[in-house]
N, C-alpha and C. Protein backbone atom coordinates (compact mmCIF):
# COMPACT_ATOMS: atom_id res chain seq x y z
N UNK A 1 1.67 -5.73 7.99
CA UNK A 1 3.31 -6.80 8.30
C UNK A 1 4.50 -5.35 8.22
N UNK A 2 5.09 -5.31 9.45
CA UNK A 2 6.24 -4.29 8.91
C UNK A 2 7.44 -4.70 8.86
N UNK A 3 8.49 -4.55 7.91
CA UNK A 3 9.29 -5.05 7.61
C UNK A 3 10.63 -4.56 7.97
N UNK A 4 11.79 -5.07 8.46
CA UNK A 4 12.76 -3.76 8.74
C UNK A 4 13.33 -3.53 7.28
N UNK A 5 13.97 -1.83 7.05
CA UNK A 5 14.38 -1.94 6.21
C UNK A 5 16.14 -2.23 5.74
N UNK A 6 15.85 -2.97 4.52
CA UNK A 6 16.91 -3.34 3.63
C UNK A 6 17.06 -2.48 1.68
N UNK A 7 18.15 -1.86 2.03
CA UNK A 7 18.51 -1.05 0.92
C UNK A 7 18.18 -1.93 -0.26
N UNK A 8 18.20 -2.87 -0.83
CA UNK A 8 18.02 -3.78 -1.84
C UNK A 8 16.47 -3.90 -2.14
N UNK A 9 15.88 -4.68 -1.16
CA UNK A 9 14.55 -4.86 -0.69
C UNK A 9 13.63 -3.35 -0.95
N UNK A 10 14.49 -1.99 -0.69
CA UNK A 10 13.04 -0.44 -0.90
C UNK A 10 13.20 -0.20 -2.54
N UNK A 11 14.60 -0.54 -3.21
CA UNK A 11 14.51 -0.19 -4.58
C UNK A 11 13.44 -0.83 -5.60
N UNK A 12 13.53 -2.37 -4.98
CA UNK A 12 12.97 -3.08 -5.64
C UNK A 12 11.96 -2.65 -5.32
N UNK A 13 10.93 -2.17 -4.51
CA UNK A 13 9.55 -2.12 -3.83
C UNK A 13 9.38 -0.89 -4.04
N UNK A 14 10.06 -0.17 -4.25
CA UNK A 14 9.56 1.53 -4.50
C UNK A 14 9.82 1.57 -6.35
N UNK A 15 10.98 0.96 -6.98
CA UNK A 15 10.51 0.99 -8.29
C UNK A 15 9.12 0.08 -8.80
N UNK A 16 8.52 -0.73 -7.97
CA UNK A 16 7.86 -1.70 -8.34
C UNK A 16 7.87 -2.35 -10.25
N UNK A 17 9.08 -2.69 -10.22
CA UNK A 17 9.69 -3.47 -11.59
C UNK A 17 10.44 -4.57 -11.33
N UNK A 18 9.96 -5.76 -12.59
CA UNK A 18 9.98 -7.05 -12.21
C UNK A 18 11.15 -7.23 -13.35
N UNK A 19 12.46 -7.98 -13.26
CA UNK A 19 13.27 -8.08 -14.04
C UNK A 19 12.39 -9.22 -15.30
N UNK A 20 13.13 -9.23 -16.30
CA UNK A 20 11.99 -9.44 -17.44
C UNK A 20 11.99 -11.21 -17.67
N UNK A 21 12.83 -12.19 -16.27
CA UNK A 21 12.75 -13.67 -16.84
C UNK A 21 12.05 -13.83 -15.50
N UNK A 22 11.37 -13.13 -14.72
CA UNK A 22 11.27 -13.06 -13.43
C UNK A 22 9.85 -14.30 -13.70
N UNK A 23 9.63 -15.12 -12.69
CA UNK A 23 7.76 -15.87 -13.05
C UNK A 23 7.96 -17.09 -11.35
N UNK A 24 7.29 -16.37 -10.72
CA UNK A 24 7.01 -16.84 -9.39
C UNK A 24 6.51 -18.12 -9.79
N UNK A 25 6.62 -19.28 -8.66
CA UNK A 25 5.82 -20.13 -8.10
C UNK A 25 4.81 -20.20 -7.63
N UNK A 26 3.73 -21.33 -7.93
CA UNK A 26 2.90 -21.08 -7.37
C UNK A 26 2.81 -21.32 -5.74
N UNK A 27 3.72 -22.24 -5.52
CA UNK A 27 4.13 -23.58 -4.28
C UNK A 27 4.96 -21.57 -3.25
N UNK A 28 5.62 -20.81 -4.02
CA UNK A 28 6.44 -19.94 -3.48
C UNK A 28 4.98 -19.06 -3.33
N UNK A 29 4.24 -18.39 -4.02
CA UNK A 29 3.23 -17.33 -3.57
C UNK A 29 2.21 -18.08 -2.33
N UNK A 30 2.53 -19.23 -2.61
CA UNK A 30 1.33 -19.93 -1.40
C UNK A 30 1.20 -19.96 0.08
N UNK A 31 3.24 -19.81 -0.28
CA UNK A 31 3.36 -19.79 0.95
C UNK A 31 3.29 -18.65 1.35
N UNK A 32 4.25 -17.50 0.58
CA UNK A 32 3.57 -15.71 1.15
C UNK A 32 2.42 -15.84 1.55
N UNK A 33 1.23 -16.04 1.09
CA UNK A 33 0.43 -15.93 1.35
C UNK A 33 -0.55 -16.62 2.57
N UNK A 34 0.05 -17.27 2.90
CA UNK A 34 -0.12 -18.78 4.30
C UNK A 34 0.62 -17.69 5.32
N UNK A 35 1.26 -17.04 5.03
CA UNK A 35 1.89 -16.92 5.88
C UNK A 35 1.81 -15.63 6.52
N UNK A 36 1.83 -15.02 5.44
CA UNK A 36 0.80 -13.73 6.17
C UNK A 36 -0.33 -13.32 6.61
N UNK A 37 -1.20 -14.75 6.37
CA UNK A 37 -2.55 -14.79 6.67
C UNK A 37 -2.31 -15.27 8.34
N UNK A 38 -1.72 -16.49 8.75
CA UNK A 38 -1.38 -17.12 9.84
C UNK A 38 -0.66 -15.90 10.80
N UNK A 39 0.48 -14.53 10.56
CA UNK A 39 1.49 -14.30 11.22
C UNK A 39 1.38 -12.91 11.00
N UNK A 40 0.66 -12.43 10.59
CA UNK A 40 -0.09 -10.14 9.75
C UNK A 40 1.51 -9.85 10.51
N UNK A 41 1.99 -10.08 11.95
CA UNK A 41 2.91 -9.72 12.42
C UNK A 41 4.55 -9.41 12.85
N UNK A 42 4.26 -10.10 12.02
CA UNK A 42 6.03 -10.76 11.82
C UNK A 42 6.78 -9.91 10.95
N UNK A 43 7.88 -10.12 11.20
CA UNK A 43 8.37 -9.02 10.37
C UNK A 43 9.38 -10.24 8.73
N UNK A 44 10.45 -9.31 8.46
CA UNK A 44 10.77 -9.54 6.98
C UNK A 44 11.82 -10.59 7.55
N UNK A 45 12.29 -10.71 8.01
CA UNK A 45 13.46 -12.11 8.31
C UNK A 45 13.04 -13.43 8.17
N UNK A 46 11.59 -13.59 9.35
CA UNK A 46 10.63 -14.68 9.57
C UNK A 46 10.29 -14.98 7.67
N UNK A 47 9.75 -13.79 7.59
CA UNK A 47 8.77 -14.06 6.07
C UNK A 47 9.88 -14.72 5.57
N UNK A 48 10.72 -14.06 5.10
CA UNK A 48 11.72 -14.59 4.33
C UNK A 48 12.18 -16.58 4.81
N UNK A 49 12.27 -16.58 5.63
CA UNK A 49 12.68 -17.80 6.56
C UNK A 49 11.67 -18.73 6.07
N UNK A 50 10.82 -18.84 6.34
CA UNK A 50 9.06 -19.01 6.61
C UNK A 50 8.85 -19.81 5.23
N UNK A 51 9.57 -18.61 3.68
CA UNK A 51 9.05 -18.90 2.55
C UNK A 51 9.88 -19.37 2.15
N UNK A 52 11.43 -19.54 2.97
CA UNK A 52 12.46 -20.30 2.03
C UNK A 52 13.65 -19.27 0.86
N UNK A 53 12.66 -17.89 0.63
CA UNK A 53 13.54 -17.01 -0.11
C UNK A 53 14.61 -16.27 0.68
N UNK A 54 15.85 -15.71 0.12
CA UNK A 54 16.31 -14.24 0.48
C UNK A 54 15.58 -13.13 -0.24
N UNK A 55 15.69 -12.09 1.08
CA UNK A 55 15.53 -10.16 1.17
C UNK A 55 15.05 -10.20 -0.51
N UNK A 56 15.60 -10.19 -1.39
CA UNK A 56 15.52 -8.86 -2.96
C UNK A 56 14.34 -10.65 -3.64
N UNK A 57 14.93 -11.41 -3.67
CA UNK A 57 13.75 -12.65 -4.18
C UNK A 57 12.61 -12.44 -3.39
N UNK A 58 12.14 -12.33 -1.98
CA UNK A 58 10.98 -12.05 -1.31
C UNK A 58 10.04 -10.98 -2.49
N UNK A 59 11.41 -9.91 -1.89
CA UNK A 59 10.52 -8.13 -2.68
C UNK A 59 10.08 -8.73 -4.27
N UNK A 60 10.84 -9.64 -4.92
CA UNK A 60 10.19 -9.62 -6.46
C UNK A 60 8.95 -10.06 -6.33
N UNK A 61 8.56 -11.13 -5.28
CA UNK A 61 7.07 -12.09 -5.28
C UNK A 61 6.48 -10.67 -4.90
N UNK A 62 6.97 -9.72 -3.78
CA UNK A 62 5.74 -9.20 -3.24
C UNK A 62 5.49 -8.11 -4.36
N UNK A 63 6.17 -7.74 -5.37
CA UNK A 63 6.09 -6.53 -6.44
C UNK A 63 5.28 -7.28 -7.27
N UNK A 64 4.64 -8.34 -7.32
CA UNK A 64 4.16 -9.62 -8.76
C UNK A 64 3.40 -9.51 -7.91
N UNK A 65 2.80 -9.56 -6.78
CA UNK A 65 1.53 -9.93 -6.25
C UNK A 65 0.80 -8.70 -5.85
N UNK A 66 1.66 -7.07 -5.78
CA UNK A 66 1.39 -6.03 -5.74
C UNK A 66 0.20 -6.00 -7.05
N UNK A 67 1.55 -6.46 -7.98
CA UNK A 67 0.71 -5.67 -9.74
C UNK A 67 -0.33 -6.62 -10.08
N UNK A 68 -0.62 -7.89 -9.47
CA UNK A 68 -2.01 -8.59 -9.15
C UNK A 68 -2.60 -8.29 -8.19
N UNK A 69 -3.03 -7.52 -7.92
CA UNK A 69 -3.72 -6.77 -6.78
C UNK A 69 -4.08 -7.83 -5.77
N UNK A 70 -2.70 -8.45 -5.20
CA UNK A 70 -3.35 -9.19 -3.63
C UNK A 70 -2.61 -9.06 -2.65
N UNK A 71 -1.39 -7.93 -2.78
CA UNK A 71 -1.05 -6.96 -1.86
C UNK A 71 -0.40 -5.55 -1.64
N UNK A 72 -0.41 -5.41 -0.59
CA UNK A 72 -0.33 -3.56 -0.75
C UNK A 72 1.47 -3.58 -0.30
N UNK A 73 1.83 -2.50 -0.65
CA UNK A 73 3.10 -1.92 0.29
C UNK A 73 3.37 -0.78 0.26
N UNK A 74 3.93 -0.40 1.08
CA UNK A 74 4.34 0.37 1.24
C UNK A 74 5.53 1.06 2.14
N UNK A 75 6.08 2.48 2.62
CA UNK A 75 7.67 2.26 3.27
C UNK A 75 7.33 3.50 3.73
N UNK A 76 7.05 3.01 5.42
CA UNK A 76 6.86 4.57 6.29
C UNK A 76 8.45 4.28 7.24
N UNK A 77 8.70 5.69 7.43
CA UNK A 77 10.32 5.82 7.82
C UNK A 77 10.79 4.52 8.11
N UNK A 78 11.34 3.96 8.86
CA UNK A 78 11.42 1.94 8.77
C UNK A 78 11.52 0.91 8.50
N UNK A 79 10.27 1.18 8.17
CA UNK A 79 9.78 0.26 7.98
C UNK A 79 9.01 -0.41 6.40
N UNK A 80 8.53 -1.69 6.06
CA UNK A 80 8.34 -1.75 4.86
C UNK A 80 7.31 -2.58 5.49
N UNK A 81 6.00 -1.80 5.71
CA UNK A 81 4.75 -2.18 5.79
C UNK A 81 3.83 -2.86 3.90
N UNK A 82 3.47 -4.36 4.29
CA UNK A 82 3.01 -5.46 3.22
C UNK A 82 2.03 -5.90 3.51
N UNK A 83 0.83 -5.63 3.18
CA UNK A 83 -0.62 -6.78 3.35
C UNK A 83 -1.28 -7.01 2.65
N UNK A 84 -2.12 -7.99 3.12
CA UNK A 84 -2.97 -8.45 1.82
C UNK A 84 -4.01 -7.75 1.74
N UNK A 85 -4.72 -7.88 0.45
CA UNK A 85 -5.51 -6.78 -0.18
C UNK A 85 -6.68 -7.71 -0.14
N UNK A 86 -8.53 -7.69 -0.40
CA UNK A 86 -9.10 -7.89 -0.18
C UNK A 86 -8.72 -9.45 -1.05
N UNK A 87 -8.76 -8.81 -2.39
CA UNK A 87 -8.59 -10.26 -3.20
C UNK A 87 -7.15 -11.26 -2.76
N UNK A 88 -5.94 -10.47 -2.02
CA UNK A 88 -5.31 -11.58 -2.00
C UNK A 88 -5.49 -12.44 -0.52
N UNK A 89 -6.68 -12.44 0.17
CA UNK A 89 -7.10 -13.35 1.28
C UNK A 89 -7.84 -14.28 0.35
């Protein structure tokens, strides 16, 4: 899934660090996985809308999921690519 570049989102994803108090809800994580499974080619805006998250919060969830081995993210040219891993499916 390619996401358009957003500076704050890029910084969160590059650093792959979370705020000490970050605690994702299972409901939100399930919405992200469901959306990514059903709409693999949609962008960041639609993902944020469908999961009811702003971009920065979405990036934190992606980093959390990446640390758990559920997704992989890369930044290529002007796109953030996020995909579910085998464990995330």
